[in-house]
Protein backbone atom coordinates (compact mmCIF):
# COMPACT_ATOMS: atom_id res chain seq x y z
CA UNK A 1 35.50 9.16 -37.46
CA UNK A 2 37.22 8.04 -40.63
CA UNK A 3 40.92 7.33 -40.71
CA UNK A 4 43.27 8.87 -43.24
CA UNK A 5 43.62 5.45 -44.87
CA UNK A 6 39.83 5.18 -45.31
CA UNK A 7 39.66 8.64 -46.84
CA UNK A 8 42.52 7.76 -49.18
CA UNK A 9 40.77 4.56 -50.32
CA UNK A 10 37.44 6.37 -50.79
CA UNK A 11 39.11 9.09 -52.85
CA UNK A 12 40.76 6.59 -55.17
CA UNK A 13 37.49 4.67 -55.45
CA UNK A 14 35.75 7.86 -56.61
CA UNK A 15 38.50 8.51 -59.14
CA UNK A 16 38.26 4.91 -60.37
CA UNK A 17 34.50 5.28 -60.81
CA UNK A 18 35.00 8.61 -62.57
CA UNK A 19 37.18 6.97 -65.18
CA UNK A 20 34.71 4.11 -65.69
CA UNK A 21 31.44 6.08 -65.77
CA UNK A 22 31.02 8.93 -68.25
CA UNK A 23 28.26 10.56 -66.17
CA UNK A 24 30.15 10.39 -62.89
CA UNK A 25 31.05 13.83 -61.44
CA UNK A 26 34.75 12.86 -61.36
CA UNK A 27 34.83 12.01 -65.09
CA UNK A 28 35.87 15.56 -66.01
CA UNK A 29 38.24 16.81 -63.32
CA UNK A 30 40.19 20.05 -63.42
CA UNK A 31 43.91 19.71 -64.08
CA UNK A 32 45.96 22.60 -62.75
CA UNK A 33 49.11 23.48 -64.66
CA UNK A 34 51.48 26.40 -64.94
CA UNK A 35 53.18 28.13 -67.82
CA UNK A 36 56.01 29.10 -65.48
CA UNK A 37 54.38 32.36 -64.46
CA UNK A 38 50.64 31.80 -64.16
CA UNK A 39 48.51 28.95 -62.88
CA UNK A 40 45.73 27.59 -65.10
CA UNK A 41 42.89 25.24 -64.20
CA UNK A 42 41.55 23.33 -67.17
CA UNK A 43 39.01 20.56 -67.56
CA UNK A 44 40.26 17.19 -68.83
CA UNK A 45 38.59 13.80 -69.30
CA UNK A 46 39.57 11.08 -66.82
CA UNK A 47 40.04 7.88 -68.83
CA UNK A 48 41.96 5.49 -66.60
CA UNK A 49 42.89 5.15 -62.95
CA UNK A 50 45.62 2.81 -61.73
CA UNK A 51 45.16 2.82 -57.98
CA UNK A 52 48.18 0.65 -57.15
CA UNK A 53 50.53 3.02 -59.00
CA UNK A 54 48.63 6.19 -58.06
CA UNK A 55 48.25 7.13 -61.72
CA UNK A 56 45.51 9.07 -63.44
CA UNK A 57 45.29 8.97 -67.22
CA UNK A 58 43.55 11.96 -68.78
CA UNK A 59 42.68 12.93 -72.32
CA UNK A 60 42.66 16.37 -73.82
CA UNK A 61 43.13 18.02 -77.19
CA UNK A 62 46.83 17.92 -78.09
CA UNK A 63 46.46 21.40 -79.63
CA UNK A 64 45.46 22.98 -76.32
CA UNK A 65 47.75 25.30 -74.41
CA UNK A 66 47.80 22.94 -71.42
CA UNK A 67 49.88 20.46 -73.44
CA UNK A 68 52.65 23.03 -73.85
CA UNK A 69 52.45 23.91 -70.16
CA UNK A 70 52.77 20.28 -69.12
CA UNK A 71 55.71 19.72 -71.45
CA UNK A 72 57.48 22.75 -69.96
CA UNK A 73 56.56 22.03 -66.33
CA UNK A 74 55.90 18.27 -65.96
């Protein structure tokens, strides 16, 4: 049986690989945001993972509605 720590490390390893490999299934995750009333799931591109700081860097089109949602509800 895996420990919670092992699962945590495996999850971050998958995210790290997703950022590094364009064909990896984790390369285009779904980011969930809200406009204050509704919840929206939208695909983004995972570009960088900083495991030590628990940060995910994603790219998207700045003209998309999700940008406004994130600015309103960070």
